[in-house]
Amino acid sequence: MKNSMSKPSLPLPNPLVSTEPGTWAFDTMSRRVNEEILQRTYDENEDFFKENPVAMSKFTALREDLQNAKVKKLRLFELLEGEVAEDIEEWNKIIEPHISEGKTWLSTPWLIAEFYLYRRLLADTGYFDAANPNTFKRDLFERQKRAGTESSPATAEGILERVSKLTTFSEDNLAVLLSIPLWGNQMDLSIWPTDTSDNNNQPSENALLKVIENSHENLLWDDTNDICSYCSKLPQQGNVDIVVDNAGLELITDLVLADYLITSGIASQVTFRLKSLPTFVSDAMEKDLRHTVEYFSTLDQNTYKFCKEAGERWNQYLSSDKWICKEDDFWVQGKPMWEMPNALRSEMSKSIFAIIKGDANYRRLLGDLEWDLSQDSFQNVVGDYFPCHVIALRTLKAMMGCGMEPEKVERAKKIDPNWMVNGKFGVVQFGVPPI
């Protein structure tokens, strides 16, 4: 194994909590997840809830908890029929200390409370109840994820056309291909819902391409040159892990990068690390990735030439095992990534590098702790413990981070008071494991 360090080399600061009014964390846990996310979940699955009164009753109780998040505590999970005992035990180990200390939804570490919310939603709506075919493995976010995929070709066509000739390795080509999934993270369905019936909700091709072209202005740290230099000196091909974030257009931008990793010869295989359960509304599972590939491969050749060709090529990657899909419960638990299970850690240590996508995954890289934004380097926080070389592609959607340039942070503060939470600014960071 390349790295035996189990934690960041710096002392661990305090975790982020949701107790301070006016913060994004407070608004998320005291209002947004209930009034926006769960309300939308109900609206899009109203027939399901009407047909399943037990699920409706528990869903209502969950929402009542959130309405009183300042005083309500989390509760331990009970092993229900169809659930995996190891998953329940792991979750109860995570939350029991905070329950014992009398912490509430708001005073429990924010990352744990958020992940717990989605795991609780599944348990309360019968997702694990194999005896009930109406609720078993029912993905309540399916409609949004499918809509995000099926509305994306109009934007993806222009992107795929522009990268269709970028098939060989060069540092310039890799820099372009890294920027596409970085800024594709702005298309997060949990914040900006996608509706195929309303074109006003769709990010236009020109808008996304403009963001990508001007991305250097809003990068608060950029290790792209170091990443390109590392890739140019790789002694041989190997596996690259992509820890995936959202389905929809963002997932397509991840597939574009994964395609380039294969065609350029950087990687002989790409492993997509996917959620094992529906989480954070739009987070991608294996079924979502396979649906995306299949959908693109069946598009009309005359309308979406580059999308269809890409879909067919991606299908071949999946069938030939150049692309591998692996789900793991670790990706749906609110633990820091330095608590990665040994088996997963050992597997990822064999990769030439891992790409960590999105804000929630980045928060787990940093343990969702109050690091100094500029003084604490990404290398000392993440590189020193991660099992392989690691690339973080993150647009900022939470009030935490590390390793940002002080001058650029000050500029961002002056430009936009919401600079840390609206996805306008980002980082490309590279961590190297100790020898």
Protein backbone atom coordinates (compact mmCIF):
# COMPACT_ATOMS: atom_id res chain seq x y z
CA MET A 1 0.00 0.00 0.00
CA LYS A 2 1.39 3.42 -0.95
CA ASN A 3 0.34 5.26 2.15
CA SER A 4 -0.04 4.11 5.73
CA MET A 5 -1.01 7.46 7.25
CA SER A 6 -4.61 7.23 8.45
CA LYS A 7 -5.32 10.93 9.03
CA PRO A 8 -4.24 14.35 7.82
CA SER A 9 -0.78 15.32 9.03
CA LEU A 10 -2.20 18.51 10.58
CA PRO A 11 -4.11 18.62 13.90
CA LEU A 12 -7.82 18.15 13.30
CA PRO A 13 -9.95 21.29 13.81
CA ASN A 14 -13.60 21.33 14.91
CA PRO A 15 -16.35 19.94 12.67
CA LEU A 16 -18.83 22.20 10.92
CA VAL A 17 -22.26 22.28 12.58
CA SER A 18 -25.55 23.91 11.59
CA THR A 19 -26.28 25.99 14.68
CA GLU A 20 -25.37 29.48 13.47
CA PRO A 21 -28.26 31.42 11.86
CA GLY A 22 -27.32 33.05 8.58
CA THR A 23 -24.98 30.27 7.46
CA TRP A 24 -25.62 27.93 4.54
CA ALA A 25 -25.43 24.96 6.92
CA PHE A 26 -28.11 26.41 9.19
CA ASP A 27 -30.39 27.27 6.28
CA THR A 28 -29.89 23.82 4.79
CA MET A 29 -30.76 21.83 7.91
CA SER A 30 -33.38 24.14 9.40
CA ARG A 31 -35.24 25.03 6.19
CA ARG A 32 -33.96 23.99 2.77
CA VAL A 33 -33.95 20.19 3.06
CA ASN A 34 -37.52 20.22 4.36
CA GLU A 35 -39.18 23.09 2.52
CA GLU A 36 -37.43 22.57 -0.81
CA ILE A 37 -35.90 19.10 -1.18
CA LEU A 38 -38.42 16.99 0.75
CA GLN A 39 -41.35 19.05 -0.51
CA ARG A 40 -40.20 18.52 -4.08
CA THR A 41 -39.70 14.83 -3.32
CA TYR A 42 -43.31 14.62 -2.17
CA ASP A 43 -44.62 16.60 -5.16
CA GLU A 44 -42.85 14.31 -7.62
CA ASN A 45 -43.98 11.12 -5.83
CA GLU A 46 -47.42 12.12 -4.61
CA ASP A 47 -49.10 8.99 -5.97
CA PHE A 48 -46.49 6.80 -4.26
CA PHE A 49 -47.15 8.40 -0.88
CA LYS A 50 -50.94 8.20 -1.29
CA GLU A 51 -50.68 4.50 -2.11
CA ASN A 52 -48.33 3.75 0.80
CA PRO A 53 -49.77 5.25 4.00
CA VAL A 54 -47.06 3.80 6.27
CA ALA A 55 -44.37 5.48 4.19
CA MET A 56 -46.40 8.69 4.19
CA SER A 57 -46.74 8.63 7.97
CA LYS A 58 -43.02 8.11 8.55
CA PHE A 59 -42.13 10.70 5.91
CA THR A 60 -44.37 13.20 7.69
CA ALA A 61 -42.67 12.40 11.01
CA LEU A 62 -39.27 12.97 9.42
CA ARG A 63 -40.38 16.37 8.18
CA GLU A 64 -41.72 17.22 11.62
CA ASP A 65 -38.29 16.38 13.06
CA LEU A 66 -36.71 18.81 10.64
CA GLN A 67 -39.25 21.50 11.47
CA ASN A 68 -37.94 21.23 15.04
CA ALA A 69 -34.29 20.59 14.12
CA LYS A 70 -33.02 22.87 16.88
CA VAL A 71 -34.29 20.54 19.63
CA LYS A 72 -34.91 17.18 17.93
CA LYS A 73 -32.25 14.47 18.12
CA LEU A 74 -31.30 11.91 15.53
CA ARG A 75 -32.42 8.39 16.36
CA LEU A 76 -30.73 5.02 16.01
CA PHE A 77 -31.72 2.80 13.11
CA GLU A 78 -33.62 -0.41 13.72
CA LEU A 79 -32.85 -3.46 11.62
CA LEU A 80 -35.83 -3.88 9.30
CA GLU A 81 -36.60 -6.79 7.02
CA GLY A 82 -34.43 -6.54 3.92
CA GLU A 83 -31.79 -4.29 5.46
CA VAL A 84 -28.16 -5.28 5.82
CA ALA A 85 -27.08 -5.64 9.43
CA GLU A 86 -23.55 -4.35 8.72
CA ASP A 87 -24.93 -1.13 7.24
CA ILE A 88 -27.19 -0.56 10.27
CA GLU A 89 -24.36 -1.27 12.68
CA GLU A 90 -22.05 1.10 10.83
CA TRP A 91 -24.61 3.88 10.80
CA ASN A 92 -25.43 3.47 14.49
CA LYS A 93 -21.71 3.63 15.30
CA ILE A 94 -21.57 6.94 13.46
CA ILE A 95 -24.54 8.59 15.14
CA GLU A 96 -24.70 7.00 18.61
CA PRO A 97 -22.00 9.22 20.18
CA HIS A 98 -23.88 12.35 19.09
CA ILE A 99 -27.20 11.00 20.36
CA SER A 100 -25.57 10.14 23.71
CA GLU A 101 -24.20 13.67 23.98
CA GLY A 102 -27.69 15.08 23.48
CA LYS A 103 -26.92 16.68 20.14
CA THR A 104 -29.73 17.76 17.84
CA TRP A 105 -30.10 17.83 14.07
CA LEU A 106 -28.32 21.19 14.14
CA SER A 107 -25.56 20.51 16.67
CA THR A 108 -24.62 17.14 15.20
CA PRO A 109 -21.77 17.61 12.68
CA TRP A 110 -23.36 18.92 9.52
CA LEU A 111 -21.97 16.27 7.18
CA ILE A 112 -23.23 13.43 9.38
CA ALA A 113 -26.68 15.02 9.73
CA GLU A 114 -27.02 15.50 5.98
CA PHE A 115 -26.05 11.94 5.07
CA TYR A 116 -28.22 10.63 7.91
CA LEU A 117 -31.20 12.53 6.49
CA TYR A 118 -31.05 10.65 3.19
CA ARG A 119 -30.43 7.28 4.84
CA ARG A 120 -33.37 7.93 7.16
CA LEU A 121 -35.57 8.91 4.21
CA LEU A 122 -34.91 5.54 2.58
CA ALA A 123 -35.65 3.58 5.75
CA ASP A 124 -38.84 5.55 6.43
CA THR A 125 -40.22 5.12 2.90
CA GLY A 126 -39.70 1.34 2.72
CA TYR A 127 -36.71 1.30 0.38
CA PHE A 128 -35.29 -1.79 2.13
CA ASP A 129 -38.59 -3.64 2.62
CA ALA A 130 -38.28 -6.58 0.21
CA ALA A 131 -41.75 -7.77 1.22
CA ASN A 132 -43.33 -4.63 -0.22
CA PRO A 133 -42.85 -4.41 -4.01
CA ASN A 134 -44.40 -0.93 -4.01
CA THR A 135 -41.62 0.56 -1.90
CA PHE A 136 -38.66 -1.82 -2.26
CA LYS A 137 -35.71 -0.02 -3.88
CA ARG A 138 -37.96 2.80 -4.99
CA ASP A 139 -35.67 5.70 -5.92
CA LEU A 140 -37.70 8.79 -5.07
CA PHE A 141 -35.22 10.94 -7.00
CA GLU A 142 -35.45 8.88 -10.18
CA ARG A 143 -37.65 11.37 -11.99
CA GLN A 144 -35.25 14.25 -11.48
CA LYS A 145 -32.20 12.23 -12.46
CA ARG A 146 -33.86 10.90 -15.61
CA ALA A 147 -35.05 14.38 -16.53
CA GLY A 148 -31.54 15.72 -16.04
CA THR A 149 -30.15 13.06 -18.37
CA GLU A 150 -32.81 13.34 -21.02
CA SER A 151 -32.58 17.13 -21.21
CA SER A 152 -28.79 17.14 -21.51
CA PRO A 153 -28.04 16.23 -25.15
CA ALA A 154 -28.67 19.77 -26.41
CA THR A 155 -25.86 21.01 -24.18
CA ALA A 156 -23.68 17.90 -24.41
CA GLU A 157 -23.69 17.87 -28.22
CA GLY A 158 -21.70 21.10 -28.42
CA ILE A 159 -19.24 19.96 -25.76
CA LEU A 160 -18.72 16.57 -27.40
CA GLU A 161 -18.20 18.14 -30.80
CA ARG A 162 -15.54 20.45 -29.39
CA VAL A 163 -13.63 17.65 -27.67
CA SER A 164 -14.06 15.09 -30.47
CA LYS A 165 -10.60 15.91 -31.84
CA LEU A 166 -8.92 16.01 -28.43
CA THR A 167 -8.08 12.32 -28.33
CA THR A 168 -4.30 12.33 -27.92
CA PHE A 169 -2.40 13.19 -24.78
CA SER A 170 -1.10 16.70 -24.39
CA GLU A 171 -0.98 18.88 -21.34
CA ASP A 172 -3.24 21.43 -23.06
CA ASN A 173 -5.81 18.77 -23.94
CA LEU A 174 -5.85 17.34 -20.43
CA ALA A 175 -6.27 20.82 -18.95
CA VAL A 176 -9.38 21.37 -21.08
CA LEU A 177 -10.82 17.95 -20.22
CA LEU A 178 -10.33 18.53 -16.48
CA SER A 179 -12.15 21.86 -16.62
CA ILE A 180 -15.29 20.37 -18.17
CA PRO A 181 -16.34 18.11 -15.24
CA LEU A 182 -15.13 20.71 -12.74
CA TRP A 183 -17.59 23.32 -13.91
CA GLY A 184 -20.18 20.71 -14.84
CA ASN A 185 -20.67 20.40 -11.07
CA GLN A 186 -22.66 23.63 -11.23
CA MET A 187 -25.50 21.51 -12.69
CA ASP A 188 -26.48 20.09 -9.28
CA LEU A 189 -30.12 19.00 -9.27
CA SER A 190 -30.42 19.32 -5.49
CA ILE A 191 -29.95 23.08 -5.92
CA TRP A 192 -31.19 23.74 -9.47
CA PRO A 193 -33.89 21.22 -10.38
CA THR A 194 -34.15 20.03 -13.95
CA ASP A 195 -37.50 19.73 -15.67
CA THR A 196 -37.71 18.55 -19.25
CA SER A 197 -40.96 20.45 -19.70
CA ASP A 198 -39.36 23.82 -18.92
CA ASN A 199 -36.52 24.87 -21.16
CA ASN A 200 -35.84 27.87 -18.93
CA ASN A 201 -34.31 25.50 -16.40
CA GLN A 202 -31.79 24.10 -18.87
CA PRO A 203 -28.21 25.32 -18.86
CA SER A 204 -27.49 26.45 -22.39
CA GLU A 205 -24.52 25.11 -24.30
CA ASN A 206 -23.10 28.61 -24.66
CA ALA A 207 -23.54 29.34 -20.94
CA LEU A 208 -21.65 26.24 -19.83
CA LEU A 209 -18.93 26.67 -22.43
CA LYS A 210 -18.51 30.30 -21.40
CA VAL A 211 -18.07 29.22 -17.78
CA ILE A 212 -15.44 26.69 -18.85
CA GLU A 213 -13.58 29.17 -21.07
CA ASN A 214 -13.43 31.77 -18.29
CA SER A 215 -12.81 29.26 -15.52
CA HIS A 216 -9.30 30.43 -14.71
CA GLU A 217 -10.71 33.67 -13.33
CA ASN A 218 -12.73 31.88 -10.66
CA LEU A 219 -10.25 29.21 -9.64
CA LEU A 220 -9.06 29.85 -6.10
CA TRP A 221 -6.33 27.25 -6.48
CA ASP A 222 -5.19 25.50 -9.65
CA ASP A 223 -2.85 22.50 -9.69
CA THR A 224 -3.62 21.70 -13.34
CA ASN A 225 0.00 22.14 -14.45
CA ASP A 226 1.25 19.74 -11.76
CA ILE A 227 -1.43 17.19 -12.71
CA CYS A 228 -0.53 17.41 -16.39
CA SER A 229 3.16 17.07 -15.60
CA TYR A 230 2.50 13.99 -13.48
CA CYS A 231 0.40 12.36 -16.21
CA SER A 232 3.07 13.08 -18.84
CA LYS A 233 5.62 11.09 -16.81
CA LEU A 234 3.53 8.05 -15.89
CA PRO A 235 5.66 4.95 -16.48
CA GLN A 236 2.69 2.88 -17.62
CA GLN A 237 -1.07 2.87 -17.98
CA GLY A 238 -3.25 1.80 -15.10
CA ASN A 239 -6.60 2.27 -13.43
CA VAL A 240 -8.02 5.69 -12.66
CA ASP A 241 -10.78 6.03 -10.07
CA ILE A 242 -13.48 8.66 -10.49
CA VAL A 243 -15.51 9.20 -7.32
CA VAL A 244 -18.70 10.39 -8.99
CA ASP A 245 -21.03 13.10 -7.74
CA ASN A 246 -24.24 14.03 -9.60
CA ALA A 247 -26.23 12.33 -12.33
CA GLY A 248 -27.56 14.35 -15.27
CA LEU A 249 -25.38 16.75 -17.22
CA GLU A 250 -22.60 16.63 -14.63
CA LEU A 251 -22.28 12.86 -15.00
CA ILE A 252 -22.00 13.32 -18.76
CA THR A 253 -19.07 15.69 -18.24
CA ASP A 254 -17.46 12.99 -16.07
CA LEU A 255 -17.95 10.47 -18.88
CA VAL A 256 -16.33 12.90 -21.31
CA LEU A 257 -13.23 13.01 -19.10
CA ALA A 258 -13.25 9.22 -18.60
CA ASP A 259 -13.47 8.80 -22.38
CA TYR A 260 -10.42 11.00 -22.84
CA LEU A 261 -8.45 9.10 -20.18
CA ILE A 262 -8.90 5.95 -22.28
CA THR A 263 -8.41 7.38 -25.78
CA SER A 264 -5.36 9.43 -24.76
CA GLY A 265 -3.65 6.41 -23.24
CA ILE A 266 -3.39 7.87 -19.75
CA ALA A 267 -5.51 5.03 -18.34
CA SER A 268 -6.13 1.47 -19.40
CA GLN A 269 -9.23 1.34 -17.22
CA VAL A 270 -11.52 3.78 -15.41
CA THR A 271 -13.43 2.70 -12.31
CA PHE A 272 -16.46 4.78 -11.43
CA ARG A 273 -17.02 4.86 -7.66
CA LEU A 274 -20.76 5.26 -7.28
CA LYS A 275 -23.34 5.62 -4.54
CA SER A 276 -24.97 2.39 -3.37
CA LEU A 277 -28.20 4.20 -2.38
CA PRO A 278 -30.17 7.25 -3.56
CA THR A 279 -28.51 10.20 -1.82
CA PHE A 280 -28.42 14.01 -2.07
CA VAL A 281 -31.20 13.95 -4.69
CA SER A 282 -29.01 13.66 -7.77
CA ASP A 283 -26.01 11.59 -6.70
CA ALA A 284 -25.29 8.90 -9.27
CA MET A 285 -25.70 5.16 -8.77
CA GLU A 286 -24.65 2.48 -11.26
CA LYS A 287 -28.15 2.33 -12.70
CA ASP A 288 -28.01 6.06 -13.42
CA LEU A 289 -24.70 5.80 -15.23
CA ARG A 290 -25.85 2.84 -17.31
CA HIS A 291 -29.11 4.59 -18.17
CA THR A 292 -27.16 7.66 -19.29
CA VAL A 293 -24.92 5.62 -21.58
CA GLU A 294 -27.83 3.65 -23.00
CA TYR A 295 -29.89 6.80 -23.56
CA PHE A 296 -27.10 8.53 -25.45
CA SER A 297 -26.40 5.45 -27.59
CA THR A 298 -30.02 5.43 -28.82
CA LEU A 299 -30.27 9.13 -29.75
CA ASP A 300 -31.07 10.17 -33.31
CA GLN A 301 -27.90 10.31 -35.41
CA ASN A 302 -29.07 13.29 -37.45
CA THR A 303 -29.95 15.40 -34.41
CA TYR A 304 -27.25 14.40 -31.94
CA LYS A 305 -24.39 12.95 -33.96
CA PHE A 306 -21.66 13.41 -31.36
CA CYS A 307 -23.84 12.35 -28.44
CA LYS A 308 -24.87 9.14 -30.17
CA GLU A 309 -21.31 8.29 -31.20
CA ALA A 310 -20.16 8.91 -27.65
CA GLY A 311 -22.94 6.74 -26.22
CA GLU A 312 -22.01 3.87 -28.51
CA ARG A 313 -18.34 4.21 -27.60
CA TRP A 314 -19.17 4.35 -23.89
CA ASN A 315 -21.27 1.20 -24.23
CA GLN A 316 -18.24 -0.54 -25.70
CA TYR A 317 -16.08 0.62 -22.79
CA LEU A 318 -18.57 -0.88 -20.34
CA SER A 319 -18.92 -4.17 -22.22
CA SER A 320 -15.13 -4.55 -22.56
CA ASP A 321 -14.43 -3.60 -18.92
CA LYS A 322 -12.42 -0.55 -19.88
CA TRP A 323 -15.01 1.17 -17.72
CA ILE A 324 -15.99 -0.47 -14.44
CA CYS A 325 -18.87 0.53 -12.15
CA LYS A 326 -18.50 -0.13 -8.42
CA GLU A 327 -20.97 0.90 -5.75
CA ASP A 328 -19.99 0.97 -2.09
CA ASP A 329 -21.84 1.88 1.11
CA PHE A 330 -18.84 3.99 2.16
CA TRP A 331 -19.82 6.65 -0.38
CA VAL A 332 -23.23 7.14 1.31
CA GLN A 333 -21.98 7.48 4.89
CA GLY A 334 -21.10 10.75 6.55
CA LYS A 335 -17.59 9.74 7.54
CA PRO A 336 -14.31 11.44 6.58
CA MET A 337 -12.42 9.72 3.80
CA TRP A 338 -9.52 8.92 6.10
CA GLU A 339 -11.88 6.36 7.66
CA MET A 340 -12.09 4.51 4.35
CA PRO A 341 -12.47 0.73 4.95
CA ASN A 342 -9.23 -1.21 4.56
CA ALA A 343 -10.46 -3.26 1.60
CA LEU A 344 -11.51 -0.17 -0.36
CA ARG A 345 -8.34 1.66 0.63
CA SER A 346 -6.18 -1.23 -0.52
CA GLU A 347 -8.02 -1.37 -3.85
CA MET A 348 -7.70 2.36 -4.52
CA SER A 349 -4.02 2.36 -3.53
CA LYS A 350 -3.32 0.43 -6.74
CA SER A 351 -4.71 3.23 -8.97
CA ILE A 352 -2.44 5.70 -10.73
CA PHE A 353 -4.69 8.45 -9.37
CA ALA A 354 -8.22 9.16 -8.15
CA ILE A 355 -10.44 12.05 -9.20
CA ILE A 356 -12.80 13.25 -6.47
CA LYS A 357 -15.81 15.06 -7.86
CA GLY A 358 -18.13 17.59 -6.30
CA ASP A 359 -18.73 19.39 -3.05
CA ALA A 360 -20.04 16.63 -0.76
CA ASN A 361 -17.18 14.32 -1.70
CA TYR A 362 -14.73 17.18 -1.15
CA ARG A 363 -16.19 17.86 2.27
CA ARG A 364 -15.53 14.24 3.15
CA LEU A 365 -11.95 14.57 1.91
CA LEU A 366 -11.53 17.35 4.48
CA GLY A 367 -13.72 15.66 7.11
CA ASP A 368 -16.02 18.72 6.93
CA LEU A 369 -13.76 20.41 9.46
CA GLU A 370 -12.95 24.08 9.99
CA TRP A 371 -9.59 24.17 8.23
CA ASP A 372 -7.93 27.51 7.55
CA LEU A 373 -8.93 28.39 4.00
CA SER A 374 -5.44 29.49 2.96
CA GLN A 375 -2.91 28.41 5.59
CA ASP A 376 -3.77 24.68 5.61
CA SER A 377 -2.55 23.14 2.36
CA PHE A 378 -4.42 20.44 0.45
CA GLN A 379 -1.28 18.30 0.57
CA ASN A 380 -1.11 18.36 4.37
CA VAL A 381 -4.85 17.85 4.80
CA VAL A 382 -5.49 15.25 2.08
CA GLY A 383 -2.38 14.20 0.17
CA ASP A 384 -0.62 12.84 3.23
CA TYR A 385 -3.37 10.32 4.02
CA PHE A 386 -5.07 9.44 0.71
CA PRO A 387 -4.12 5.98 -0.63
CA CYS A 388 -3.03 7.22 -4.08
CA HIS A 389 -2.40 10.43 -5.98
CA VAL A 390 -5.62 12.41 -5.71
CA ILE A 391 -7.20 15.16 -7.82
CA ALA A 392 -10.07 17.20 -6.37
CA LEU A 393 -12.38 18.97 -8.82
CA ARG A 394 -14.70 21.11 -6.70
CA THR A 395 -17.00 24.07 -7.14
CA LEU A 396 -17.65 25.63 -3.74
CA LYS A 397 -21.10 24.93 -2.26
CA ALA A 398 -20.27 24.86 1.46
CA MET A 399 -18.47 27.19 3.83
CA MET A 400 -15.28 25.19 4.20
CA GLY A 401 -12.11 24.45 2.31
CA CYS A 402 -8.33 24.58 2.39
CA GLY A 403 -5.32 25.46 0.30
CA MET A 404 -6.77 28.49 -1.49
CA GLU A 405 -4.72 31.50 -2.60
CA PRO A 406 -5.31 34.35 -0.08
CA GLU A 407 -5.45 37.05 -2.76
CA LYS A 408 -8.01 35.14 -4.78
CA VAL A 409 -10.09 34.48 -1.67
CA GLU A 410 -10.17 38.20 -0.92
CA ARG A 411 -11.13 38.94 -4.52
CA ALA A 412 -13.96 36.38 -4.35
CA LYS A 413 -15.29 37.95 -1.14
CA LYS A 414 -15.46 41.35 -2.83
CA ILE A 415 -17.11 40.01 -5.97
CA ASP A 416 -19.82 37.88 -4.36
CA PRO A 417 -20.96 37.64 -0.71
CA ASN A 418 -22.14 34.08 -1.43
CA TRP A 419 -18.83 33.04 -2.98
CA MET A 420 -18.48 29.93 -0.80
CA VAL A 421 -21.87 28.36 -1.47
CA ASN A 422 -23.16 29.16 -4.97
CA GLY A 423 -20.78 27.13 -7.14
CA LYS A 424 -19.33 30.17 -8.88
CA PHE A 425 -15.79 29.57 -7.63
CA GLY A 426 -13.76 26.40 -7.66
CA VAL A 427 -10.49 24.62 -7.01
CA VAL A 428 -8.36 22.07 -8.84
CA GLN A 429 -6.12 20.48 -6.22
CA PHE A 430 -3.57 17.68 -6.36
CA GLY A 431 -2.35 15.54 -3.49
CA VAL A 432 0.64 13.20 -3.55
CA PRO A 433 0.97 10.27 -1.11
CA PRO A 434 4.22 9.92 0.83
CA ILE A 435 6.65 7.42 -0.62
